[in-house]
C-alpha atoms as a PDB file:
ATOM      1  CA  UNK A   1     -21.335 -14.294 -11.722  1.00  0.00           C
ATOM      2  CA  UNK A   2     -20.590 -14.650  -8.004  1.00  0.00           C
ATOM      3  CA  UNK A   3     -22.130 -17.652  -6.266  1.00  0.00           C
ATOM      4  CA  UNK A   4     -24.751 -17.174  -3.556  1.00  0.00           C
ATOM      5  CA  UNK A   5     -25.390 -19.036  -0.322  1.00  0.00           C
ATOM      6  CA  UNK A   6     -28.716 -20.256   1.108  1.00  0.00           C
ATOM      7  CA  UNK A   7     -29.601 -16.741   2.280  1.00  0.00           C
ATOM      8  CA  UNK A   8     -29.255 -15.556  -1.327  1.00  0.00           C
ATOM      9  CA  UNK A   9     -26.299 -13.343  -0.396  1.00  0.00           C
ATOM     10  CA  UNK A  10     -23.015 -13.335  -2.322  1.00  0.00           C
ATOM     11  CA  UNK A  11     -20.416 -15.825  -1.105  1.00  0.00           C
ATOM     12  CA  UNK A  12     -17.040 -14.227  -0.478  1.00  0.00           C
ATOM     13  CA  UNK A  13     -14.438 -15.985  -2.634  1.00  0.00           C
ATOM     14  CA  UNK A  14     -11.722 -17.876  -0.765  1.00  0.00           C
ATOM     15  CA  UNK A  15      -7.998 -17.469  -1.347  1.00  0.00           C
ATOM     16  CA  UNK A  16      -7.908 -20.821  -3.143  1.00  0.00           C
ATOM     17  CA  UNK A  17     -10.652 -19.797  -5.562  1.00  0.00           C
ATOM     18  CA  UNK A  18      -9.057 -16.395  -6.210  1.00  0.00           C
ATOM     19  CA  UNK A  19      -5.584 -17.854  -6.691  1.00  0.00           C
ATOM     20  CA  UNK A  20      -6.907 -20.569  -9.001  1.00  0.00           C
ATOM     21  CA  UNK A  21      -8.745 -17.948 -11.032  1.00  0.00           C
ATOM     22  CA  UNK A  22      -5.582 -15.879 -11.180  1.00  0.00           C
ATOM     23  CA  UNK A  23      -3.643 -18.862 -12.502  1.00  0.00           C
ATOM     24  CA  UNK A  24      -1.782 -20.447  -9.565  1.00  0.00           C
ATOM     25  CA  UNK A  25      -1.846 -24.241  -9.923  1.00  0.00           C
ATOM     26  CA  UNK A  26      -1.870 -26.709  -7.042  1.00  0.00           C
ATOM     27  CA  UNK A  27       1.370 -28.214  -8.362  1.00  0.00           C
ATOM     28  CA  UNK A  28       3.144 -24.855  -8.085  1.00  0.00           C
ATOM     29  CA  UNK A  29       1.906 -24.345  -4.528  1.00  0.00           C
ATOM     30  CA  UNK A  30       2.990 -27.857  -3.537  1.00  0.00           C
ATOM     31  CA  UNK A  31       6.452 -27.395  -5.080  1.00  0.00           C
ATOM     32  CA  UNK A  32       6.977 -24.120  -3.190  1.00  0.00           C
ATOM     33  CA  UNK A  33       5.911 -25.685   0.112  1.00  0.00           C
ATOM     34  CA  UNK A  34       8.092 -28.759  -0.520  1.00  0.00           C
ATOM     35  CA  UNK A  35      11.182 -26.647  -1.266  1.00  0.00           C
ATOM     36  CA  UNK A  36      10.499 -24.671   1.911  1.00  0.00           C
ATOM     37  CA  UNK A  37      10.211 -27.833   3.997  1.00  0.00           C
ATOM     38  CA  UNK A  38      13.471 -29.218   2.632  1.00  0.00           C
ATOM     39  CA  UNK A  39      15.408 -25.944   3.009  1.00  0.00           C
ATOM     40  CA  UNK A  40      14.077 -25.469   6.564  1.00  0.00           C
ATOM     41  CA  UNK A  41      15.003 -29.037   7.507  1.00  0.00           C
ATOM     42  CA  UNK A  42      18.509 -28.532   6.099  1.00  0.00           C
ATOM     43  CA  UNK A  43      19.014 -25.323   8.038  1.00  0.00           C
ATOM     44  CA  UNK A  44      17.653 -26.781  11.275  1.00  0.00           C
ATOM     45  CA  UNK A  45      20.028 -29.732  10.969  1.00  0.00           C
ATOM     46  CA  UNK A  46      22.909 -27.421  10.056  1.00  0.00           C
ATOM     47  CA  UNK A  47      22.333 -25.275  13.141  1.00  0.00           C
ATOM     48  CA  UNK A  48      21.487 -28.198  15.425  1.00  0.00           C
ATOM     49  CA  UNK A  49      24.766 -29.943  14.722  1.00  0.00           C
ATOM     50  CA  UNK A  50      26.634 -27.025  16.306  1.00  0.00           C
ATOM     51  CA  UNK A  51      25.512 -28.261  19.726  1.00  0.00           C
ATOM     52  CA  UNK A  52      27.361 -31.587  19.491  1.00  0.00           C
ATOM     53  CA  UNK A  53      30.288 -29.733  17.871  1.00  0.00           C
ATOM     54  CA  UNK A  54      30.634 -27.404  20.867  1.00  0.00           C
ATOM     55  CA  UNK A  55      30.197 -30.310  23.276  1.00  0.00           C
ATOM     56  CA  UNK A  56      32.773 -32.366  21.365  1.00  0.00           C
ATOM     57  CA  UNK A  57      35.287 -29.520  21.685  1.00  0.00           C
ATOM     58  CA  UNK A  58      34.515 -29.000  25.387  1.00  0.00           C
ATOM     59  CA  UNK A  59      34.993 -32.694  26.178  1.00  0.00           C
ATOM     60  CA  UNK A  60      38.082 -32.922  23.960  1.00  0.00           C
ATOM     61  CA  UNK A  61      36.488 -35.680  21.873  1.00  0.00           C
ATOM     62  CA  UNK A  62      35.848 -38.069  24.789  1.00  0.00           C
ATOM     63  CA  UNK A  63      32.833 -40.040  23.516  1.00  0.00           C
ATOM     64  CA  UNK A  64      32.198 -41.845  26.817  1.00  0.00           C
ATOM     65  CA  UNK A  65      32.104 -38.560  28.713  1.00  0.00           C
ATOM     66  CA  UNK A  66      29.834 -37.046  26.054  1.00  0.00           C
ATOM     67  CA  UNK A  67      27.432 -39.995  26.233  1.00  0.00           C
ATOM     68  CA  UNK A  68      27.293 -39.628  30.003  1.00  0.00           C
ATOM     69  CA  UNK A  69      26.870 -35.848  29.807  1.00  0.00           C
ATOM     70  CA  UNK A  70      23.857 -35.680  27.461  1.00  0.00           C
ATOM     71  CA  UNK A  71      21.411 -38.105  25.863  1.00  0.00           C
ATOM     72  CA  UNK A  72      21.787 -36.583  22.398  1.00  0.00           C
ATOM     73  CA  UNK A  73      25.268 -38.062  22.110  1.00  0.00           C
ATOM     74  CA  UNK A  74      23.914 -41.573  22.588  1.00  0.00           C
ATOM     75  CA  UNK A  75      21.903 -41.125  19.388  1.00  0.00           C
ATOM     76  CA  UNK A  76      24.884 -39.572  17.584  1.00  0.00           C
ATOM     77  CA  UNK A  77      27.241 -42.377  18.575  1.00  0.00           C
ATOM     78  CA  UNK A  78      24.725 -45.086  17.657  1.00  0.00           C
ATOM     79  CA  UNK A  79      23.997 -43.458  14.275  1.00  0.00           C
ATOM     80  CA  UNK A  80      27.649 -43.148  13.276  1.00  0.00           C
ATOM     81  CA  UNK A  81      28.414 -46.567  14.693  1.00  0.00           C
ATOM     82  CA  UNK A  82      25.668 -48.097  12.550  1.00  0.00           C
ATOM     83  CA  UNK A  83      27.260 -46.474   9.480  1.00  0.00           C
ATOM     84  CA  UNK A  84      30.706 -47.589  10.685  1.00  0.00           C
ATOM     85  CA  UNK A  85      32.031 -43.997  10.578  1.00  0.00           C
ATOM     86  CA  UNK A  86      34.500 -42.650  13.109  1.00  0.00           C
ATOM     87  CA  UNK A  87      33.352 -39.440  14.801  1.00  0.00           C
ATOM     88  CA  UNK A  88      35.765 -36.518  14.506  1.00  0.00           C
ATOM     89  CA  UNK A  89      35.641 -32.734  14.636  1.00  0.00           C
ATOM     90  CA  UNK A  90      36.372 -32.488  10.914  1.00  0.00           C
ATOM     91  CA  UNK A  91      33.438 -34.791  10.179  1.00  0.00           C
ATOM     92  CA  UNK A  92      31.006 -32.793  12.300  1.00  0.00           C
ATOM     93  CA  UNK A  93      32.105 -29.481  10.787  1.00  0.00           C
ATOM     94  CA  UNK A  94      31.851 -30.936   7.281  1.00  0.00           C
ATOM     95  CA  UNK A  95      28.319 -32.177   7.954  1.00  0.00           C
ATOM     96  CA  UNK A  96      27.295 -28.734   9.181  1.00  0.00           C
ATOM     97  CA  UNK A  97      28.696 -27.134   6.033  1.00  0.00           C
ATOM     98  CA  UNK A  98      26.918 -29.674   3.793  1.00  0.00           C
ATOM     99  CA  UNK A  99      23.597 -28.973   5.529  1.00  0.00           C
ATOM    100  CA  UNK A 100      23.994 -25.202   5.114  1.00  0.00           C
ATOM    101  CA  UNK A 101      25.090 -25.580   1.497  1.00  0.00           C
ATOM    102  CA  UNK A 102      22.050 -27.757   0.803  1.00  0.00           C
ATOM    103  CA  UNK A 103      19.859 -25.157   2.457  1.00  0.00           C
ATOM    104  CA  UNK A 104      21.285 -22.378   0.280  1.00  0.00           C
ATOM    105  CA  UNK A 105      20.744 -24.406  -2.892  1.00  0.00           C
ATOM    106  CA  UNK A 106      17.151 -25.217  -1.952  1.00  0.00           C
ATOM    107  CA  UNK A 107      16.486 -21.587  -0.961  1.00  0.00           C
ATOM    108  CA  UNK A 108      17.847 -20.428  -4.310  1.00  0.00           C
ATOM    109  CA  UNK A 109      15.579 -22.879  -6.130  1.00  0.00           C
ATOM    110  CA  UNK A 110      12.574 -21.766  -4.059  1.00  0.00           C
ATOM    111  CA  UNK A 111      13.163 -18.056  -4.704  1.00  0.00           C
ATOM    112  CA  UNK A 112      13.803 -18.682  -8.407  1.00  0.00           C
ATOM    113  CA  UNK A 113      10.686 -20.824  -8.753  1.00  0.00           C
ATOM    114  CA  UNK A 114       8.570 -18.303  -6.822  1.00  0.00           C
ATOM    115  CA  UNK A 115       9.776 -15.436  -9.048  1.00  0.00           C
ATOM    116  CA  UNK A 116       9.067 -17.502 -12.172  1.00  0.00           C
ATOM    117  CA  UNK A 117       5.524 -18.250 -11.032  1.00  0.00           C
ATOM    118  CA  UNK A 118       4.909 -14.619 -10.088  1.00  0.00           C
ATOM    119  CA  UNK A 119       6.129 -13.228 -13.410  1.00  0.00           C
ATOM    120  CA  UNK A 120       4.062 -15.782 -15.327  1.00  0.00           C
ATOM    121  CA  UNK A 121       0.963 -14.632 -13.435  1.00  0.00           C
ATOM    122  CA  UNK A 122       1.821 -10.971 -14.070  1.00  0.00           C
ATOM    123  CA  UNK A 123       2.185 -11.624 -17.784  1.00  0.00           C
ATOM    124  CA  UNK A 124      -1.074 -13.584 -17.872  1.00  0.00           C
ATOM    125  CA  UNK A 125      -3.046 -10.857 -16.086  1.00  0.00           C
ATOM    126  CA  UNK A 126      -1.598  -8.090 -18.259  1.00  0.00           C
ATOM    127  CA  UNK A 127      -2.597 -10.049 -21.348  1.00  0.00           C
ATOM    128  CA  UNK A 128      -6.029 -10.615 -19.821  1.00  0.00           C
ATOM    129  CA  UNK A 129      -6.627  -6.903 -19.142  1.00  0.00           C
ATOM    130  CA  UNK A 130      -5.371  -5.853 -22.562  1.00  0.00           C
ATOM    131  CA  UNK A 131      -7.426  -8.470 -24.430  1.00  0.00           C
ATOM    132  CA  UNK A 132     -10.630  -7.506 -22.627  1.00  0.00           C
ATOM    133  CA  UNK A 133      -9.957  -3.841 -23.266  1.00  0.00           C
ATOM    134  CA  UNK A 134      -9.554  -4.520 -26.971  1.00  0.00           C
ATOM    135  CA  UNK A 135     -12.809  -6.522 -27.010  1.00  0.00           C
ATOM    136  CA  UNK A 136     -14.793  -3.869 -25.111  1.00  0.00           C
ATOM    137  CA  UNK A 137     -17.260  -1.624 -26.883  1.00  0.00           C
ATOM    138  CA  UNK A 138     -16.595   1.982 -27.859  1.00  0.00           C
ATOM    139  CA  UNK A 139     -18.592   3.446 -24.968  1.00  0.00           C
ATOM    140  CA  UNK A 140     -16.307   1.715 -22.477  1.00  0.00           C
ATOM    141  CA  UNK A 141     -13.227   3.027 -24.296  1.00  0.00           C
ATOM    142  CA  UNK A 142     -14.638   6.550 -24.066  1.00  0.00           C
ATOM    143  CA  UNK A 143     -15.463   6.233 -20.364  1.00  0.00           C
ATOM    144  CA  UNK A 144     -12.105   4.967 -19.089  1.00  0.00           C
ATOM    145  CA  UNK A 145      -9.010   7.110 -18.737  1.00  0.00           C
ATOM    146  CA  UNK A 146      -6.049   5.779 -20.701  1.00  0.00           C
ATOM    147  CA  UNK A 147      -3.651   6.797 -17.933  1.00  0.00           C
ATOM    148  CA  UNK A 148      -5.655   4.836 -15.384  1.00  0.00           C
ATOM    149  CA  UNK A 149      -5.585   1.753 -17.604  1.00  0.00           C
ATOM    150  CA  UNK A 150      -1.850   2.208 -18.176  1.00  0.00           C
ATOM    151  CA  UNK A 151      -1.224   2.374 -14.426  1.00  0.00           C
ATOM    152  CA  UNK A 152      -3.299  -0.783 -13.867  1.00  0.00           C
ATOM    153  CA  UNK A 153      -1.393  -2.765 -16.496  1.00  0.00           C
ATOM    154  CA  UNK A 154       2.071  -1.494 -15.569  1.00  0.00           C
ATOM    155  CA  UNK A 155       1.845  -1.253 -11.768  1.00  0.00           C
ATOM    156  CA  UNK A 156      -1.323  -2.535 -10.146  1.00  0.00           C
ATOM    157  CA  UNK A 157      -1.322  -5.950 -11.834  1.00  0.00           C
ATOM    158  CA  UNK A 158       2.097  -6.623 -10.319  1.00  0.00           C
ATOM    159  CA  UNK A 159       0.829  -5.610  -6.871  1.00  0.00           C
ATOM    160  CA  UNK A 160      -2.305  -7.727  -7.243  1.00  0.00           C
ATOM    161  CA  UNK A 161      -0.222 -10.808  -8.016  1.00  0.00           C
ATOM    162  CA  UNK A 162       2.060 -10.053  -5.062  1.00  0.00           C
ATOM    163  CA  UNK A 163      -1.023  -9.769  -2.857  1.00  0.00           C
ATOM    164  CA  UNK A 164      -2.489 -13.080  -4.008  1.00  0.00           C
ATOM    165  CA  UNK A 165       0.845 -14.814  -3.305  1.00  0.00           C
ATOM    166  CA  UNK A 166       1.127 -13.326   0.196  1.00  0.00           C
ATOM    167  CA  UNK A 167      -0.838 -16.144   1.931  1.00  0.00           C
ATOM    168  CA  UNK A 168       1.463 -18.667   0.278  1.00  0.00           C
ATOM    169  CA  UNK A 169       4.493 -16.748   1.516  1.00  0.00           C
ATOM    170  CA  UNK A 170       2.955 -16.644   5.009  1.00  0.00           C
ATOM    171  CA  UNK A 171       2.623 -20.421   4.862  1.00  0.00           C
ATOM    172  CA  UNK A 172       6.291 -20.636   3.898  1.00  0.00           C
ATOM    173  CA  UNK A 173       7.315 -18.449   6.848  1.00  0.00           C
ATOM    174  CA  UNK A 174       5.037 -20.419   9.182  1.00  0.00           C
ATOM    175  CA  UNK A 175       6.822 -23.636   8.223  1.00  0.00           C
ATOM    176  CA  UNK A 176      10.191 -22.005   8.895  1.00  0.00           C
ATOM    177  CA  UNK A 177       8.996 -20.699  12.278  1.00  0.00           C
ATOM    178  CA  UNK A 178       7.670 -24.124  13.236  1.00  0.00           C
ATOM    179  CA  UNK A 179      10.997 -25.758  12.401  1.00  0.00           C
ATOM    180  CA  UNK A 180      12.912 -23.242  14.494  1.00  0.00           C
ATOM    181  CA  UNK A 181      10.485 -23.507  17.426  1.00  0.00           C
ATOM    182  CA  UNK A 182      10.748 -27.297  17.465  1.00  0.00           C
ATOM    183  CA  UNK A 183      14.513 -27.022  17.651  1.00  0.00           C
ATOM    184  CA  UNK A 184      14.363 -24.347  20.356  1.00  0.00           C
ATOM    185  CA  UNK A 185      12.007 -26.547  22.392  1.00  0.00           C
ATOM    186  CA  UNK A 186      14.502 -29.397  22.324  1.00  0.00           C
ATOM    187  CA  UNK A 187      17.142 -27.071  23.746  1.00  0.00           C
ATOM    188  CA  UNK A 188      14.995 -25.550  26.498  1.00  0.00           C
ATOM    189  CA  UNK A 189      11.209 -25.616  26.770  1.00  0.00           C
ATOM    190  CA  UNK A 190      11.140 -22.865  29.416  1.00  0.00           C
ATOM    191  CA  UNK A 191      13.281 -20.564  27.291  1.00  0.00           C
ATOM    192  CA  UNK A 192      11.128 -21.289  24.241  1.00  0.00           C
ATOM    193  CA  UNK A 193       7.906 -20.349  26.038  1.00  0.00           C
ATOM    194  CA  UNK A 194       9.532 -17.127  27.224  1.00  0.00           C
ATOM    195  CA  UNK A 195      10.869 -16.421  23.728  1.00  0.00           C
ATOM    196  CA  UNK A 196       7.440 -16.928  22.158  1.00  0.00           C
ATOM    197  CA  UNK A 197       6.012 -14.366  24.589  1.00  0.00           C
ATOM    198  CA  UNK A 198       8.832 -11.954  23.710  1.00  0.00           C
ATOM    199  CA  UNK A 199       8.302 -12.493  19.969  1.00  0.00           C
ATOM    200  CA  UNK A 200       4.595 -11.729  20.327  1.00  0.00           C
ATOM    201  CA  UNK A 201       5.319  -8.501  22.197  1.00  0.00           C
ATOM    202  CA  UNK A 202       7.980  -7.407  19.701  1.00  0.00           C
ATOM    203  CA  UNK A 203       5.722  -8.154  16.718  1.00  0.00           C
ATOM    204  CA  UNK A 204       3.120  -5.724  18.109  1.00  0.00           C
ATOM    205  CA  UNK A 205       5.523  -2.766  18.109  1.00  0.00           C
ATOM    206  CA  UNK A 206       5.562  -1.992  14.348  1.00  0.00           C
ATOM    207  CA  UNK A 207       1.793  -2.461  13.907  1.00  0.00           C
ATOM    208  CA  UNK A 208       1.133   1.309  13.940  1.00  0.00           C
ATOM    209  CA  UNK A 209       3.675   1.920  11.204  1.00  0.00           C
ATOM    210  CA  UNK A 210       2.332  -1.003   9.176  1.00  0.00           C
ATOM    211  CA  UNK A 211      -1.177   0.487   9.251  1.00  0.00           C
ATOM    212  CA  UNK A 212       0.196   3.846   8.125  1.00  0.00           C
ATOM    213  CA  UNK A 213       2.141   2.081   5.374  1.00  0.00           C
ATOM    214  CA  UNK A 214      -1.087   0.637   3.996  1.00  0.00           C
ATOM    215  CA  UNK A 215      -2.688   4.088   3.901  1.00  0.00           C
ATOM    216  CA  UNK A 216       0.425   5.567   2.313  1.00  0.00           C
ATOM    217  CA  UNK A 217       0.453   2.782  -0.260  1.00  0.00           C
ATOM    218  CA  UNK A 218      -3.116   3.564  -1.323  1.00  0.00           C
ATOM    219  CA  UNK A 219      -2.266   7.265  -1.639  1.00  0.00           C
ATOM    220  CA  UNK A 220       0.800   6.392  -3.691  1.00  0.00           C
ATOM    221  CA  UNK A 221      -1.323   4.282  -6.041  1.00  0.00           C
ATOM    222  CA  UNK A 222      -3.673   7.234  -6.527  1.00  0.00           C
ATOM    223  CA  UNK A 223      -0.726   9.588  -7.133  1.00  0.00           C
ATOM    224  CA  UNK A 224       0.738   7.220  -9.736  1.00  0.00           C
ATOM    225  CA  UNK A 225      -2.626   6.935 -11.471  1.00  0.00           C
ATOM    226  CA  UNK A 226      -3.037  10.702 -11.650  1.00  0.00           C
ATOM    227  CA  UNK A 227       0.490  11.065 -13.006  1.00  0.00           C
ATOM    228  CA  UNK A 228      -0.146   8.449 -15.706  1.00  0.00           C
ATOM    229  CA  UNK A 229      -3.374  10.156 -16.749  1.00  0.00           C
ATOM    230  CA  UNK A 230      -1.638  13.529 -16.875  1.00  0.00           C
ATOM    231  CA  UNK A 231       1.294  12.298 -18.953  1.00  0.00           C
ATOM    232  CA  UNK A 232      -0.862  10.402 -21.431  1.00  0.00           C
ATOM    233  CA  UNK A 233      -3.082  13.424 -21.952  1.00  0.00           C
ATOM    234  CA  UNK A 234      -0.275  15.965 -22.310  1.00  0.00           C
ATOM    235  CA  UNK A 235       2.308  13.945 -24.212  1.00  0.00           C
ATOM    236  CA  UNK A 236      -0.249  13.092 -26.877  1.00  0.00           C
ATOM    237  CA  UNK A 237      -1.104  16.743 -27.560  1.00  0.00           C
ATOM    238  CA  UNK A 238       1.878  19.043 -26.905  1.00  0.00           C
ATOM    239  CA  UNK A 239       0.913  21.314 -29.791  1.00  0.00           C
ATOM    240  CA  UNK A 240      -2.553  21.872 -28.306  1.00  0.00           C
ATOM    241  CA  UNK A 241      -0.974  22.889 -25.010  1.00  0.00           C
ATOM    242  CA  UNK A 242       1.355  25.301 -26.787  1.00  0.00           C
ATOM    243  CA  UNK A 243      -1.434  26.819 -28.888  1.00  0.00           C
ATOM    244  CA  UNK A 244      -3.645  27.317 -25.846  1.00  0.00           C
ATOM    245  CA  UNK A 245      -0.811  29.085 -24.027  1.00  0.00           C
ATOM    246  CA  UNK A 246      -1.097  26.955 -20.883  1.00  0.00           C
ATOM    247  CA  UNK A 247       2.512  25.786 -20.706  1.00  0.00           C
ATOM    248  CA  UNK A 248       3.128  27.357 -17.290  1.00  0.00           C
ATOM    249  CA  UNK A 249      -0.089  25.931 -15.859  1.00  0.00           C
ATOM    250  CA  UNK A 250       0.794  22.475 -17.152  1.00  0.00           C
ATOM    251  CA  UNK A 251       4.290  22.763 -15.675  1.00  0.00           C
ATOM    252  CA  UNK A 252       2.887  23.744 -12.275  1.00  0.00           C
ATOM    253  CA  UNK A 253       0.434  20.843 -12.378  1.00  0.00           C
ATOM    254  CA  UNK A 254       3.208  18.406 -13.290  1.00  0.00           C
ATOM    255  CA  UNK A 255       5.415  19.782 -10.485  1.00  0.00           C
ATOM    256  CA  UNK A 256       2.511  19.333  -8.052  1.00  0.00           C
ATOM    257  CA  UNK A 257       2.022  15.706  -9.115  1.00  0.00           C
ATOM    258  CA  UNK A 258       5.733  14.892  -8.836  1.00  0.00           C
ATOM    259  CA  UNK A 259       5.815  16.555  -5.402  1.00  0.00           C
ATOM    260  CA  UNK A 260       2.889  14.401  -4.263  1.00  0.00           C
ATOM    261  CA  UNK A 261       4.637  11.271  -5.513  1.00  0.00           C
ATOM    262  CA  UNK A 262       7.844  12.281  -3.757  1.00  0.00           C
ATOM    263  CA  UNK A 263       6.077  12.924  -0.433  1.00  0.00           C
ATOM    264  CA  UNK A 264       4.326   9.542  -0.438  1.00  0.00           C
ATOM    265  CA  UNK A 265       7.479   7.702  -1.498  1.00  0.00           C
ATOM    266  CA  UNK A 266       9.562   9.414   1.191  1.00  0.00           C
ATOM    267  CA  UNK A 267       6.899   8.703   3.828  1.00  0.00           C
ATOM    268  CA  UNK A 268       6.879   5.053   2.794  1.00  0.00           C
ATOM    269  CA  UNK A 269      10.674   4.880   3.180  1.00  0.00           C
ATOM    270  CA  UNK A 270      10.484   6.657   6.560  1.00  0.00           C
ATOM    271  CA  UNK A 271       7.958   4.148   7.911  1.00  0.00           C
ATOM    272  CA  UNK A 272      10.060   1.230   6.708  1.00  0.00           C
ATOM    273  CA  UNK A 273      13.244   2.758   8.135  1.00  0.00           C
ATOM    274  CA  UNK A 274      11.582   3.372  11.502  1.00  0.00           C
ATOM    275  CA  UNK A 275      10.669  -0.282  11.753  1.00  0.00           C
ATOM    276  CA  UNK A 276      14.165  -1.485  10.875  1.00  0.00           C
ATOM    277  CA  UNK A 277      15.926   1.079  13.079  1.00  0.00           C
ATOM    278  CA  UNK A 278      13.785   0.615  16.185  1.00  0.00           C
ATOM    279  CA  UNK A 279      13.535  -3.171  16.016  1.00  0.00           C
ATOM    280  CA  UNK A 280      17.277  -3.913  16.023  1.00  0.00           C
ATOM    281  CA  UNK A 281      18.130  -2.420  19.460  1.00  0.00           C
ATOM    282  CA  UNK A 282      14.976  -3.983  20.896  1.00  0.00           C
ATOM    283  CA  UNK A 283      15.986  -7.398  19.576  1.00  0.00           C
ATOM    284  CA  UNK A 284      19.529  -7.025  20.923  1.00  0.00           C
ATOM    285  CA  UNK A 285      18.262  -5.863  24.315  1.00  0.00           C
ATOM    286  CA  UNK A 286      15.824  -8.752  24.635  1.00  0.00           C
ATOM    287  CA  UNK A 287      18.536 -11.197  23.549  1.00  0.00           C
ATOM    288  CA  UNK A 288      20.736  -9.945  26.397  1.00  0.00           C
ATOM    289  CA  UNK A 289      17.828 -10.389  28.823  1.00  0.00           C
ATOM    290  CA  UNK A 290      17.340 -13.956  27.587  1.00  0.00           C
ATOM    291  CA  UNK A 291      21.085 -14.557  27.983  1.00  0.00           C
ATOM    292  CA  UNK A 292      20.988 -13.380  31.595  1.00  0.00           C
ATOM    293  CA  UNK A 293      17.842 -15.405  32.381  1.00  0.00           C
ATOM    294  CA  UNK A 294      19.194 -18.604  30.836  1.00  0.00           C
ATOM    295  CA  UNK A 295      22.474 -18.359  32.756  1.00  0.00           C
ATOM    296  CA  UNK A 296      21.297 -17.213  36.197  1.00  0.00           C
ATOM    297  CA  UNK A 297      17.907 -18.942  36.437  1.00  0.00           C
ATOM    298  CA  UNK A 298      17.948 -21.987  34.142  1.00  0.00           C
ATOM    299  CA  UNK A 299      21.715 -22.637  34.490  1.00  0.00           C
ATOM    300  CA  UNK A 300      22.034 -23.775  30.869  1.00  0.00           C
ATOM    301  CA  UNK A 301      25.361 -24.796  29.384  1.00  0.00           C
ATOM    302  CA  UNK A 302      27.255 -22.112  27.501  1.00  0.00           C
ATOM    303  CA  UNK A 303      27.019 -23.930  24.140  1.00  0.00           C
ATOM    304  CA  UNK A 304      23.255 -24.339  24.560  1.00  0.00           C
ATOM    305  CA  UNK A 305      22.837 -20.631  25.319  1.00  0.00           C
ATOM    306  CA  UNK A 306      24.970 -19.638  22.325  1.00  0.00           C
ATOM    307  CA  UNK A 307      23.109 -21.927  19.933  1.00  0.00           C
ATOM    308  CA  UNK A 308      19.771 -20.782  21.321  1.00  0.00           C
ATOM    309  CA  UNK A 309      20.596 -17.120  20.725  1.00  0.00           C
ATOM    310  CA  UNK A 310      21.782 -17.855  17.180  1.00  0.00           C
ATOM    311  CA  UNK A 311      18.479 -19.547  16.347  1.00  0.00           C
ATOM    312  CA  UNK A 312      16.447 -16.820  18.061  1.00  0.00           C
ATOM    313  CA  UNK A 313      18.249 -14.105  16.088  1.00  0.00           C
ATOM    314  CA  UNK A 314      17.519 -15.933  12.819  1.00  0.00           C
ATOM    315  CA  UNK A 315      13.894 -16.404  13.807  1.00  0.00           C
ATOM    316  CA  UNK A 316      13.250 -12.795  14.849  1.00  0.00           C
ATOM    317  CA  UNK A 317      13.226 -11.236  11.336  1.00  0.00           C
ATOM    318  CA  UNK A 318      10.710 -13.856  10.211  1.00  0.00           C
ATOM    319  CA  UNK A 319       8.391 -13.199  13.152  1.00  0.00           C
ATOM    320  CA  UNK A 320       8.538  -9.419  12.866  1.00  0.00           C
END
């Protein structure tokens, strides 16, 4: 029974209560967030080290000139000096590769762990629905369509689990965005503020298609349910259909259902393709604008501009 507040009205369950009821444990959520933090930190360090690499090449390895040119090299020189390690281009490139390799390993572990958790929840919910159906009384069995139940177990349970894990995935992406933004701010605060404004504008563009995708998704669910009900009813009694002489009518109905499924699936692909096709030239165009602004107005160094654009391009798919 749903809890009630002081006004005796039902209290809307929170994501934590729904996810806990569904079977997500706090340990699993913490592990996913931890793997995200570590992979993001590894990638940020792997990208960040390109700045001293470019500067090292530009100054031809002159550490005194590098220390005088930028404050970041004072920290780099002191850190390597404390470890008694000689700074070289090979060393910097190797460190960058190690950071990216670590990031890929941690990302693989995060995706694998997330898929394992999701499939465990799907299995648990399918077992839950089936067990309760078997325990239900005869009147309930008579009232529910078998095709509808089949669609719920086979398709909708998987979507429900994906929906309950969406806030956790948003948290993961938020952590990644925060890591990138911190790094961008260290490169240029003015450029970062401008980029945030650009990201917000760009993220508003596909909103119309996203809303239509939700409506199309609901229609597709209904089409799949109707198809399941039709198949269960007809495949269980082909002789009855043949004896009643309604083969042509059944064929036309089946063709109509498959046509409906095809239309909704194609529309879903069209909406997704529109987003991907339109966003890429917009992102490239805005990147060129940022390149012009950073060079003519802020007078940033070439290596800073290049690194900034690399990070911005990696951040854009996450934001949109």
